[in-house]
N, C-alpha and C. Protein backbone atom coordinates (compact mmCIF):
# COMPACT_ATOMS: atom_id res chain seq x y z
N UNK A 1 174.80 137.90 159.79
CA UNK A 1 175.10 138.89 159.20
C UNK A 1 174.59 138.75 157.81
N UNK A 2 174.28 139.57 156.73
CA UNK A 2 174.16 139.19 155.21
C UNK A 2 175.34 139.96 154.53
N UNK A 3 176.35 139.28 153.83
CA UNK A 3 176.89 139.30 152.79
C UNK A 3 175.77 141.11 152.05
N UNK A 4 177.14 141.37 151.93
CA UNK A 4 177.17 142.25 150.52
C UNK A 4 177.15 141.77 149.87
N UNK A 5 176.06 142.23 148.51
CA UNK A 5 176.07 142.02 147.29
C UNK A 5 176.56 142.26 146.55
N UNK A 6 177.25 141.61 146.03
CA UNK A 6 178.70 141.80 144.45
C UNK A 6 177.53 142.83 143.58
N UNK A 7 178.91 143.52 143.17
CA UNK A 7 178.60 145.00 142.44
C UNK A 7 179.22 144.70 141.16
N UNK A 8 178.35 144.03 139.56
CA UNK A 8 178.97 144.06 138.78
C UNK A 8 179.14 144.45 137.96
N UNK A 9 180.85 145.48 138.06
CA UNK A 9 181.20 146.30 137.73
C UNK A 9 181.15 146.30 136.02
N UNK A 10 181.31 146.83 135.73
CA UNK A 10 181.58 146.99 133.74
C UNK A 10 182.74 147.87 133.99
N UNK A 11 183.48 146.94 133.45
CA UNK A 11 185.08 147.45 133.02
C UNK A 11 185.58 148.11 132.09
N UNK A 12 184.87 147.78 130.78
CA UNK A 12 184.81 148.19 129.61
C UNK A 12 183.73 148.22 128.82
N UNK A 13 183.13 148.94 127.85
CA UNK A 13 181.57 148.90 127.25
C UNK A 13 181.98 148.84 125.88
N UNK A 14 181.83 148.48 124.71
CA UNK A 14 181.90 148.75 123.46
C UNK A 14 180.60 148.73 122.67
N UNK A 15 180.35 148.93 121.81
CA UNK A 15 179.63 148.70 120.92
C UNK A 15 179.83 147.55 119.48
N UNK A 16 179.36 146.80 119.41
CA UNK A 16 179.68 145.89 118.48
C UNK A 16 179.14 145.95 117.03
N UNK A 17 177.59 146.60 117.17
CA UNK A 17 176.68 146.40 116.25
C UNK A 17 175.96 147.28 116.38
N UNK A 18 175.22 147.87 115.60
CA UNK A 18 174.41 149.06 115.01
C UNK A 18 173.46 148.70 114.20
N UNK A 19 172.58 148.40 114.45
CA UNK A 19 171.21 147.79 113.43
C UNK A 19 170.52 149.17 113.56
N UNK A 20 169.31 149.26 112.19
CA UNK A 20 168.11 149.48 112.74
C UNK A 20 167.25 149.50 113.78
N UNK A 21 167.05 149.07 114.46
CA UNK A 21 166.31 148.65 115.04
C UNK A 21 166.77 148.33 116.93
N UNK A 22 167.87 147.18 116.51
CA UNK A 22 168.54 147.19 117.60
C UNK A 22 170.06 147.32 117.35
N UNK A 23 170.72 146.84 118.60
CA UNK A 23 172.44 147.12 118.65
C UNK A 23 172.65 146.04 119.73
N UNK A 24 174.02 145.83 119.51
CA UNK A 24 174.68 145.31 120.56
C UNK A 24 175.55 145.78 121.15
N UNK A 25 175.59 145.48 122.85
CA UNK A 25 176.74 146.02 123.26
C UNK A 25 177.75 145.35 124.23
N UNK A 26 179.25 145.00 123.68
CA UNK A 26 180.21 144.26 124.82
C UNK A 26 179.75 145.01 125.57
N UNK A 27 179.82 143.91 126.63
CA UNK A 27 180.59 144.71 128.40
C UNK A 27 181.60 143.39 129.21
N UNK A 28 182.60 144.06 129.40
CA UNK A 28 183.51 143.59 130.52
C UNK A 28 182.76 143.37 131.54
N UNK A 29 182.95 142.60 132.38
CA UNK A 29 182.20 143.16 133.28
C UNK A 29 182.90 141.81 134.66
N UNK A 30 182.84 142.51 135.82
CA UNK A 30 183.63 141.97 136.84
C UNK A 30 182.94 141.07 137.69
N UNK A 31 183.34 139.73 137.96
CA UNK A 31 182.27 138.62 138.49
C UNK A 31 182.92 138.65 140.38
N UNK A 32 181.89 137.98 140.93
CA UNK A 32 182.27 137.94 142.19
C UNK A 32 183.33 137.27 142.57
N UNK A 33 183.89 136.52 141.61
CA UNK A 33 185.25 136.13 141.87
C UNK A 33 186.61 136.47 141.65
N UNK A 34 186.22 137.99 141.07
CA UNK A 34 187.22 138.55 140.84
C UNK A 34 187.63 138.44 139.25
N UNK A 35 187.18 137.01 138.37
CA UNK A 35 187.38 137.41 136.85
C UNK A 35 186.68 138.54 136.19
N UNK A 36 187.31 138.89 134.91
CA UNK A 36 186.45 139.69 134.00
C UNK A 36 186.07 138.68 133.07
N UNK A 37 184.00 139.10 133.24
CA UNK A 37 184.08 137.89 131.71
C UNK A 37 183.14 138.73 130.65
N UNK A 38 182.89 138.56 129.83
CA UNK A 38 182.29 139.56 128.47
C UNK A 38 180.79 138.64 128.52
N UNK A 39 179.97 139.71 128.43
CA UNK A 39 178.55 139.28 128.00
C UNK A 39 178.01 140.75 127.14
N UNK A 40 177.56 139.45 126.20
CA UNK A 40 177.16 140.60 125.00
C UNK A 40 175.60 140.91 125.09
N UNK A 41 175.34 142.11 124.51
CA UNK A 41 173.65 142.64 125.43
C UNK A 41 173.21 143.13 124.20
N UNK A 42 172.19 142.55 123.36
CA UNK A 42 171.33 143.29 122.50
C UNK A 42 170.39 144.15 123.42
N UNK A 43 170.70 145.55 122.69
CA UNK A 43 169.84 146.26 122.72
C UNK A 43 168.67 146.99 122.49
N UNK A 44 167.63 147.01 123.26
CA UNK A 44 166.28 147.66 122.52
C UNK A 44 165.46 147.90 122.94
N UNK A 45 165.14 148.89 122.14
CA UNK A 45 163.86 149.88 122.57
C UNK A 45 163.04 149.63 123.37
N UNK A 46 162.37 148.56 123.47
CA UNK A 46 161.02 147.96 123.98
C UNK A 46 160.00 147.71 123.31
N UNK A 47 158.78 147.94 123.58
CA UNK A 47 157.89 147.06 123.28
C UNK A 47 156.25 147.22 123.85
N UNK A 48 155.22 146.99 122.72
CA UNK A 48 153.97 147.07 124.11
C UNK A 48 152.96 146.06 122.74
N UNK A 49 152.06 145.39 123.63
CA UNK A 49 151.57 145.10 122.84
C UNK A 49 149.81 144.75 123.24
N UNK A 50 148.53 144.56 121.84
CA UNK A 50 147.21 144.41 123.59
C UNK A 50 146.61 143.28 123.16
N UNK A 51 145.79 142.70 124.06
CA UNK A 51 144.84 142.23 124.16
C UNK A 51 143.58 142.68 124.15
N UNK A 52 142.73 142.98 122.71
CA UNK A 52 142.08 143.38 122.49
C UNK A 52 140.72 142.31 122.40
N UNK A 53 139.71 143.11 123.41
CA UNK A 53 138.69 141.71 124.05
C UNK A 53 137.41 142.73 122.73
N UNK A 54 136.61 142.13 121.90
CA UNK A 54 135.39 142.52 121.41
C UNK A 54 134.46 142.18 122.61
N UNK A 55 133.05 142.86 121.41
CA UNK A 55 131.75 142.63 122.77
C UNK A 55 131.77 140.91 122.71
N UNK A 56 131.92 140.52 121.72
CA UNK A 56 131.78 139.04 121.94
C UNK A 56 132.47 137.93 122.47
N UNK A 57 132.94 138.63 122.93
CA UNK A 57 134.55 137.98 124.23
C UNK A 57 135.53 137.27 122.80
N UNK A 58 135.20 137.87 121.99
CA UNK A 58 136.43 137.33 120.71
C UNK A 58 138.15 138.29 120.56
N UNK A 59 139.20 138.22 120.90
CA UNK A 59 140.26 138.27 121.22
C UNK A 59 141.10 138.84 119.32
N UNK A 60 141.36 140.10 119.30
CA UNK A 60 142.02 140.18 118.31
C UNK A 60 143.37 140.14 117.56
N UNK A 61 143.49 138.95 116.99
CA UNK A 61 144.84 138.60 116.27
C UNK A 61 145.39 138.99 115.14
N UNK A 62 147.24 139.07 114.47
CA UNK A 62 147.24 139.51 113.52
C UNK A 62 148.32 138.15 113.18
N UNK A 63 148.49 137.72 111.72
CA UNK A 63 149.18 136.45 111.62
C UNK A 63 150.10 137.28 110.71
N UNK A 64 151.43 137.16 111.14
CA UNK A 64 152.03 138.24 110.63
C UNK A 64 153.66 137.13 110.28
N UNK A 65 154.03 137.46 109.29
CA UNK A 65 155.61 136.57 108.87
C UNK A 65 156.48 137.44 109.49
N UNK A 66 157.49 136.16 110.02
CA UNK A 66 158.68 136.58 110.83
C UNK A 66 159.76 136.29 110.71
N UNK A 67 160.57 136.39 109.76
CA UNK A 67 162.30 136.06 109.02
C UNK A 67 162.71 134.66 110.05
N UNK A 68 162.86 135.98 111.30
CA UNK A 68 164.09 134.79 112.42
C UNK A 68 163.29 133.24 112.22
N UNK A 69 161.73 133.09 112.59
CA UNK A 69 161.54 132.21 112.59
C UNK A 69 161.01 130.65 111.02
N UNK A 70 161.36 131.96 110.12
CA UNK A 70 160.44 131.45 108.61
C UNK A 70 159.46 131.21 108.60
N UNK A 71 158.14 131.69 109.22
CA UNK A 71 157.47 131.39 108.49
C UNK A 71 156.36 132.65 109.52
N UNK A 72 155.08 132.51 109.41
CA UNK A 72 153.64 133.34 109.58
C UNK A 72 153.51 132.84 111.48
N UNK A 73 153.03 133.64 112.19
CA UNK A 73 153.16 133.44 113.47
C UNK A 73 151.91 134.34 113.92
N UNK A 74 150.76 133.43 114.67
CA UNK A 74 149.70 134.62 115.09
C UNK A 74 150.16 135.56 116.59
N UNK A 75 149.53 136.49 116.34
CA UNK A 75 150.30 137.18 117.35
C UNK A 75 149.49 138.10 117.59
N UNK A 76 149.42 139.01 118.84
CA UNK A 76 149.32 140.35 119.24
C UNK A 76 149.23 141.68 118.46
N UNK A 77 147.78 142.73 117.80
CA UNK A 77 148.80 143.96 117.98
C UNK A 77 149.72 144.30 118.75
N UNK A 78 150.78 144.84 118.36
CA UNK A 78 152.07 145.07 118.81
C UNK A 78 153.06 145.79 117.89
N UNK A 79 153.65 146.67 118.03
CA UNK A 79 155.40 146.92 118.12
C UNK A 79 156.22 147.54 119.03
N UNK A 80 157.47 147.92 118.21
CA UNK A 80 158.47 148.87 119.24
C UNK A 80 158.35 150.18 119.36
N UNK A 81 158.56 150.53 121.08
CA UNK A 81 158.87 151.95 121.55
C UNK A 81 159.66 152.80 120.57
N UNK A 82 159.64 153.42 118.82
CA UNK A 82 160.36 153.72 118.47
C UNK A 82 159.95 155.42 118.31
N UNK A 83 159.23 155.80 119.44
CA UNK A 83 158.82 157.34 119.60
C UNK A 83 158.97 157.84 120.66
N UNK A 84 160.39 158.28 121.06
CA UNK A 84 161.33 159.29 122.01
C UNK A 84 160.01 159.69 123.53
N UNK A 85 160.32 158.87 124.80
CA UNK A 85 159.12 159.54 125.50
C UNK A 85 157.85 159.70 125.29
N UNK A 86 157.09 159.02 124.18
CA UNK A 86 155.77 158.38 123.74
C UNK A 86 155.02 157.62 125.05
N UNK A 87 154.70 157.84 125.90
CA UNK A 87 153.62 156.54 126.81
C UNK A 87 153.43 155.81 126.14
N UNK A 88 154.02 154.59 126.98
CA UNK A 88 153.76 153.17 126.35
C UNK A 88 151.97 152.87 126.66
N UNK A 89 151.22 153.78 126.45
CA UNK A 89 149.74 153.46 126.25
C UNK A 89 149.09 153.95 125.13
N UNK A 90 149.93 155.17 124.83
CA UNK A 90 149.77 156.26 123.46
C UNK A 90 150.28 154.97 122.00
N UNK A 91 151.49 154.18 122.92
CA UNK A 91 151.86 153.42 121.36
C UNK A 91 151.36 152.18 121.36
N UNK A 92 150.68 151.61 122.62
CA UNK A 92 149.77 150.15 122.15
C UNK A 92 148.44 150.88 121.55
N UNK A 93 147.56 152.05 121.88
CA UNK A 93 146.63 152.41 120.97
C UNK A 93 146.80 152.96 119.90
N UNK A 94 148.05 153.38 119.24
CA UNK A 94 148.67 153.50 117.86
C UNK A 94 148.98 152.28 117.30
N UNK A 95 149.12 151.16 117.89
CA UNK A 95 149.40 150.25 117.54
C UNK A 95 148.38 149.31 116.89
N UNK A 96 147.10 149.37 117.89
CA UNK A 96 146.18 148.84 117.74
C UNK A 96 145.35 149.61 116.64
N UNK A 97 145.61 150.39 116.44
CA UNK A 97 144.76 151.61 115.17
C UNK A 97 145.52 150.82 113.80
N UNK A 98 147.02 151.11 113.96
CA UNK A 98 147.57 150.67 112.68
C UNK A 98 147.58 149.64 112.21
N UNK A 99 147.59 148.50 113.40
CA UNK A 99 148.06 147.14 112.58
C UNK A 99 146.20 146.38 112.87
N UNK A 100 145.56 146.55 113.17
CA UNK A 100 143.90 146.10 113.69
C UNK A 100 143.29 147.25 112.58
N UNK A 101 143.28 148.53 112.61
CA UNK A 101 142.01 149.69 112.49
C UNK A 101 141.35 149.30 113.61
N UNK A 102 141.60 149.47 114.19
CA UNK A 102 140.72 149.76 115.57
C UNK A 102 140.87 150.90 116.97
N UNK A 103 139.94 151.23 117.41
CA UNK A 103 140.11 152.28 118.66
C UNK A 103 139.50 151.47 119.73
N UNK A 104 140.20 151.97 121.05
CA UNK A 104 138.79 151.23 122.36
C UNK A 104 138.76 152.26 123.01
N UNK A 105 137.98 151.92 123.48
CA UNK A 105 137.24 153.16 124.99
C UNK A 105 138.26 152.56 125.65
N UNK A 106 138.58 151.68 126.16
CA UNK A 106 139.30 151.18 127.48
C UNK A 106 140.47 150.80 127.65
N UNK A 107 141.59 150.90 128.42
CA UNK A 107 142.94 150.53 128.41
C UNK A 107 143.25 149.81 130.09
N UNK A 108 143.72 148.94 130.45
CA UNK A 108 143.97 148.70 131.48
C UNK A 108 145.74 148.05 131.03
N UNK A 109 146.42 147.88 132.00
CA UNK A 109 147.86 147.41 131.88
C UNK A 109 147.69 146.06 132.28
N UNK A 110 147.86 144.58 131.96
CA UNK A 110 147.99 143.56 131.96
C UNK A 110 149.02 143.12 132.27
N UNK A 111 150.43 143.38 132.21
CA UNK A 111 151.68 142.61 132.52
C UNK A 111 152.64 143.60 132.23
N UNK A 112 154.10 143.42 133.06
CA UNK A 112 155.07 143.33 132.41
C UNK A 112 156.23 143.00 132.40
N UNK A 113 156.97 142.65 131.27
CA UNK A 113 157.55 141.40 131.19
C UNK A 113 159.00 142.16 130.56
N UNK A 114 160.26 141.30 130.56
CA UNK A 114 161.69 140.98 130.47
C UNK A 114 161.67 139.98 129.58
N UNK A 115 162.06 140.41 127.89
CA UNK A 115 162.13 139.35 127.15
C UNK A 115 162.72 138.25 127.03
N UNK A 116 164.75 138.38 127.60
CA UNK A 116 164.86 137.11 127.59
C UNK A 116 166.00 137.86 128.27
N UNK A 117 166.03 138.20 129.66
CA UNK A 117 166.90 138.95 129.50
C UNK A 117 168.18 138.25 130.16
N UNK A 118 168.67 137.20 129.98
CA UNK A 118 169.95 136.82 129.76
C UNK A 118 170.41 137.59 128.79
N UNK A 119 170.37 137.87 127.48
CA UNK A 119 170.71 138.48 126.90
C UNK A 119 170.22 139.86 125.86
N UNK A 120 169.58 140.33 126.12
CA UNK A 120 168.57 141.59 126.06
C UNK A 120 168.06 142.29 127.10
N UNK A 121 168.12 143.69 126.71
CA UNK A 121 167.51 144.95 127.88
C UNK A 121 165.92 144.96 127.25
N UNK A 122 165.68 144.24 126.26
CA UNK A 122 164.25 144.02 126.22
C UNK A 122 163.30 144.26 127.15
N UNK A 123 162.65 145.15 127.07
CA UNK A 123 161.18 144.79 128.12
C UNK A 123 159.83 145.38 127.15
N UNK A 124 158.32 144.91 127.53
CA UNK A 124 157.64 144.88 127.25
C UNK A 124 156.46 144.62 127.94
N UNK A 125 155.49 145.45 127.77
CA UNK A 125 154.08 146.20 128.15
C UNK A 125 153.32 145.39 127.49
N UNK A 126 152.10 144.90 128.24
CA UNK A 126 150.92 144.42 127.43
C UNK A 126 149.66 145.33 128.31
N UNK A 127 148.57 145.57 127.39
CA UNK A 127 147.49 146.30 127.63
C UNK A 127 146.34 145.20 127.19
N UNK A 128 145.15 145.51 128.13
CA UNK A 128 144.08 145.37 127.62
C UNK A 128 143.13 146.35 127.43
N UNK A 129 142.34 145.51 126.50
CA UNK A 129 141.83 147.35 125.33
C UNK A 129 140.45 146.21 125.25
N UNK A 130 139.06 147.40 125.97
CA UNK A 130 138.10 146.63 125.53
C UNK A 130 136.56 147.76 125.21
N UNK A 131 136.05 148.39 124.36
CA UNK A 131 135.06 148.94 124.06
C UNK A 131 135.53 149.56 122.53
N UNK A 132 135.63 148.16 121.50
CA UNK A 132 136.57 148.30 120.30
C UNK A 132 135.46 149.08 119.28
N UNK A 133 135.92 150.45 118.22
CA UNK A 133 135.20 150.61 117.38
C UNK A 133 136.80 150.99 116.11
N UNK A 134 135.37 150.28 115.14
CA UNK A 134 136.33 150.32 113.72
C UNK A 134 136.62 151.47 113.56
N UNK A 135 137.70 151.82 112.98
CA UNK A 135 138.48 152.78 112.13
C UNK A 135 137.77 153.40 110.88
N UNK A 136 137.07 154.12 110.32
CA UNK A 136 137.00 153.97 108.77
C UNK A 136 138.02 154.04 107.82
N UNK A 137 137.54 153.72 107.09
CA UNK A 137 138.29 153.18 105.95
C UNK A 137 139.29 154.01 105.10
N UNK A 138 138.78 155.19 105.33
CA UNK A 138 139.47 156.58 104.66
C UNK A 138 140.75 157.06 105.75
N UNK A 139 140.24 156.85 106.86
CA UNK A 139 141.19 156.92 108.05
C UNK A 139 142.68 155.85 108.40
N UNK A 140 142.53 155.18 107.72
CA UNK A 140 143.49 153.73 108.24
C UNK A 140 144.83 153.78 108.12
N UNK A 141 145.99 153.48 108.51
CA UNK A 141 147.47 153.11 108.09
C UNK A 141 147.37 152.47 107.48
N UNK A 142 148.29 152.59 106.23
CA UNK A 142 148.39 151.88 104.88
C UNK A 142 149.49 150.84 105.14
N UNK A 143 149.48 150.14 105.83
CA UNK A 143 150.77 149.07 105.48
C UNK A 143 151.59 148.74 104.52
N UNK A 144 152.85 148.09 105.08
CA UNK A 144 154.42 148.33 104.02
C UNK A 144 154.71 147.09 104.85
N UNK A 145 155.56 146.65 103.87
CA UNK A 145 156.50 145.35 103.97
C UNK A 145 155.80 143.93 104.60
N UNK A 146 156.59 143.33 105.83
CA UNK A 146 155.80 142.43 106.20
C UNK A 146 154.27 142.79 106.13
N UNK A 147 153.31 143.69 107.00
CA UNK A 147 152.79 143.98 107.03
C UNK A 147 151.71 144.20 106.47
N UNK A 148 152.12 144.61 104.86
CA UNK A 148 151.14 144.10 103.71
C UNK A 148 150.39 143.39 103.74
N UNK A 149 151.10 141.83 104.19
CA UNK A 149 150.36 140.91 103.85
C UNK A 149 150.00 140.37 105.42
N UNK A 150 149.86 141.00 106.27
CA UNK A 150 149.49 140.54 107.80
C UNK A 150 147.70 140.33 107.86
N UNK A 151 147.23 138.66 108.06
CA UNK A 151 146.06 138.71 108.48
C UNK A 151 146.03 139.45 109.99
N UNK A 152 144.27 139.81 109.18
CA UNK A 152 143.84 139.70 111.01
C UNK A 152 142.65 139.01 111.09
N UNK A 153 142.08 138.49 112.74
CA UNK A 153 141.12 137.54 112.63
C UNK A 153 140.60 137.63 113.85
N UNK A 154 139.46 137.83 114.33
CA UNK A 154 138.88 137.87 115.80
C UNK A 154 138.45 136.15 115.85
N UNK A 155 138.76 136.04 117.04
CA UNK A 155 139.28 134.45 117.29
C UNK A 155 138.68 134.46 118.94
N UNK A 156 137.54 133.81 119.30
CA UNK A 156 137.00 133.30 120.83
C UNK A 156 137.88 133.37 121.75
N UNK A 157 137.70 134.22 122.77
CA UNK A 157 138.98 133.86 123.72
C UNK A 157 139.05 132.65 124.28
N UNK A 158 138.39 131.85 124.62
CA UNK A 158 138.55 130.85 125.10
C UNK A 158 138.96 130.00 124.20
N UNK A 159 138.91 129.85 123.10
CA UNK A 159 139.33 128.74 121.94
C UNK A 159 140.99 129.48 121.93
N UNK A 160 141.26 130.59 121.92
CA UNK A 160 142.48 131.04 121.92
C UNK A 160 143.15 130.62 123.09
N UNK A 161 142.83 131.00 123.77
CA UNK A 161 143.35 130.35 125.20
C UNK A 161 144.10 128.72 125.05
N UNK A 162 143.36 128.13 124.72
CA UNK A 162 143.42 126.53 124.01
C UNK A 162 144.42 126.43 123.23
N UNK A 163 144.24 127.39 122.14
CA UNK A 163 145.18 127.21 121.04
C UNK A 163 147.17 127.17 121.66
N UNK A 164 146.81 128.53 122.34
CA UNK A 164 148.13 128.34 123.22
C UNK A 164 148.71 126.99 124.21
N UNK A 165 147.66 126.02 125.06
CA UNK A 165 147.92 125.39 125.20
C UNK A 165 147.79 124.33 124.44
N UNK A 166 147.78 123.92 123.35
CA UNK A 166 147.88 122.89 122.25
C UNK A 166 149.60 122.96 121.66
N UNK A 167 149.69 124.62 122.02
CA UNK A 167 151.09 124.46 120.98
C UNK A 167 150.85 125.32 119.68
N UNK A 168 149.66 126.12 119.41
CA UNK A 168 149.33 126.65 118.11
C UNK A 168 149.98 127.94 118.27
N UNK A 169 149.54 128.55 119.57
CA UNK A 169 149.93 130.05 119.83
C UNK A 169 151.01 129.84 120.33
N UNK A 170 152.13 130.27 119.79
CA UNK A 170 153.57 130.47 120.54
C UNK A 170 154.17 131.71 120.28
N UNK A 171 153.87 132.61 119.65
CA UNK A 171 154.61 134.34 120.12
C UNK A 171 154.46 134.45 121.51
N UNK A 172 155.69 134.40 121.86
CA UNK A 172 155.57 134.77 123.65
C UNK A 172 154.68 135.95 124.26
N UNK A 173 155.01 136.98 122.76
CA UNK A 173 153.92 138.14 123.62
C UNK A 173 152.22 137.81 124.00
N UNK A 174 151.87 136.82 123.20
CA UNK A 174 150.71 136.20 122.50
C UNK A 174 150.32 135.48 123.94
N UNK A 175 151.24 134.25 123.98
CA UNK A 175 151.13 133.21 124.92
C UNK A 175 150.69 134.26 126.63
N UNK A 176 151.69 134.87 127.04
CA UNK A 176 151.91 135.61 127.96
C UNK A 176 150.54 136.97 128.00
N UNK A 177 150.27 137.64 127.01
CA UNK A 177 149.09 138.29 127.10
C UNK A 177 148.07 137.59 127.20
N UNK A 178 147.74 136.35 126.81
CA UNK A 178 145.91 135.64 126.22
C UNK A 178 146.55 134.71 127.88
N UNK A 179 147.25 134.52 128.65
CA UNK A 179 146.92 133.70 129.76
C UNK A 179 146.92 134.76 130.74
N UNK A 180 147.15 135.78 130.88
CA UNK A 180 147.64 137.04 131.96
C UNK A 180 146.00 137.23 131.71
N UNK A 181 144.81 137.37 130.85
CA UNK A 181 143.91 137.90 130.65
C UNK A 181 142.86 136.92 130.93
N UNK A 182 143.15 135.62 130.75
CA UNK A 182 142.45 134.60 131.59
C UNK A 182 142.07 134.50 132.96
N UNK A 183 143.65 134.58 133.52
CA UNK A 183 143.67 135.04 134.82
C UNK A 183 142.69 136.61 135.53
N UNK A 184 142.75 136.99 134.78
CA UNK A 184 142.22 138.73 135.18
C UNK A 184 140.57 138.11 134.66
N UNK A 185 140.37 137.61 134.00
CA UNK A 185 138.73 137.64 133.37
C UNK A 185 137.93 136.67 134.73
N UNK A 186 139.00 135.37 135.28
CA UNK A 186 138.21 134.62 136.46
C UNK A 186 138.00 135.99 137.58
N UNK A 187 139.09 136.74 137.78
CA UNK A 187 138.47 137.88 138.30
C UNK A 187 137.82 139.11 138.27
N UNK A 188 137.37 138.96 137.77
CA UNK A 188 136.49 139.64 137.01
C UNK A 188 137.07 141.14 136.85
N UNK A 189 138.43 141.28 136.17
CA UNK A 189 139.22 141.93 135.77
C UNK A 189 139.61 143.19 137.42
N UNK A 190 139.77 142.51 138.09
CA UNK A 190 139.93 143.54 139.41
C UNK A 190 141.31 142.99 139.53
N UNK A 191 141.84 144.43 139.95
CA UNK A 191 142.84 144.45 140.33
C UNK A 191 144.05 144.62 139.34
N UNK A 192 143.30 144.95 138.31
CA UNK A 192 144.55 145.59 136.82
C UNK A 192 144.87 146.64 137.05
N UNK A 193 146.41 147.10 136.72
CA UNK A 193 146.78 148.57 137.76
C UNK A 193 146.23 149.71 135.92
N UNK A 194 146.82 150.82 136.14
CA UNK A 194 146.09 151.56 135.56
C UNK A 194 147.01 151.73 134.29
N UNK A 195 146.90 152.01 132.89
CA UNK A 195 148.03 152.39 131.89
C UNK A 195 148.93 152.88 131.78
N UNK A 196 149.00 154.60 133.07
CA UNK A 196 150.34 154.67 133.20
C UNK A 196 150.92 154.27 134.68
N UNK A 197 150.95 153.18 134.70
CA UNK A 197 151.34 152.48 136.03
C UNK A 197 153.27 152.58 135.86
N UNK A 198 153.51 152.90 136.66
CA UNK A 198 155.26 153.42 136.56
C UNK A 198 156.12 151.91 135.80
N UNK A 199 156.48 152.25 134.99
CA UNK A 199 157.18 150.84 134.40
C UNK A 199 159.06 151.45 134.47
N UNK A 200 159.73 151.50 135.61
CA UNK A 200 160.66 151.15 136.18
C UNK A 200 161.68 150.34 134.83
N UNK A 201 161.31 149.13 134.10
CA UNK A 201 161.86 148.65 132.76
C UNK A 201 161.93 149.29 132.09
N UNK A 202 160.88 150.13 131.99
CA UNK A 202 161.18 150.41 130.46
C UNK A 202 162.79 150.97 130.04
N UNK A 203 163.33 150.74 128.75
CA UNK A 203 164.55 151.00 128.59
C UNK A 203 164.81 152.60 128.36
N UNK A 204 165.96 152.63 129.43
CA UNK A 204 165.95 154.60 129.81
C UNK A 204 166.58 155.35 128.20
N UNK A 205 166.63 154.28 127.25
CA UNK A 205 167.82 154.72 126.61
C UNK A 205 166.38 155.58 125.80
N UNK A 206 165.83 155.45 125.65
CA UNK A 206 164.15 155.84 124.69
C UNK A 206 163.54 156.55 125.12
N UNK A 207 163.64 157.45 126.33
CA UNK A 207 162.34 157.64 127.58
C UNK A 207 161.93 157.05 128.24
């Protein structure tokens, strides 16, 4: 006979911190032995990222300063889901336009990720974009803050994967996106999900 799974009841929940993007929720949770244990949860709106491949099999990457690690990282065009109800694929197209000045003819869904489920509800969705077109300069987004200094490069895809394995590309979203794309390429992109596939993990508080 299979035992009934324990229900981790939240007996009390308070807001410990509210920031511009994230908040911290403090939950008191009933454990299987009956004890109450505190769990602090970083509440995050979720995010999207884009592996954009051009006709020369180069991947578009950005070089952006990240304050928590004290320096710049090579990353994918990406951003938070800060428009309630906006489809994730639309958010991905917006980020590709804003950060890389590009539009894409085709989007496929690569992979869904829990960022760090031991401490946050952040989930992100990664897309593969192909059929890239430059946005005219007059129509491009004007970056601010860290993005004003953000570098942009097109890197040979095989070289980008090798940089991951050499520890030169370490941003988690970029690592996952590049390795997922390498697997998809090996299978001629068969089996990728459509960009509007269900995403149960998307944080519900953002629609």
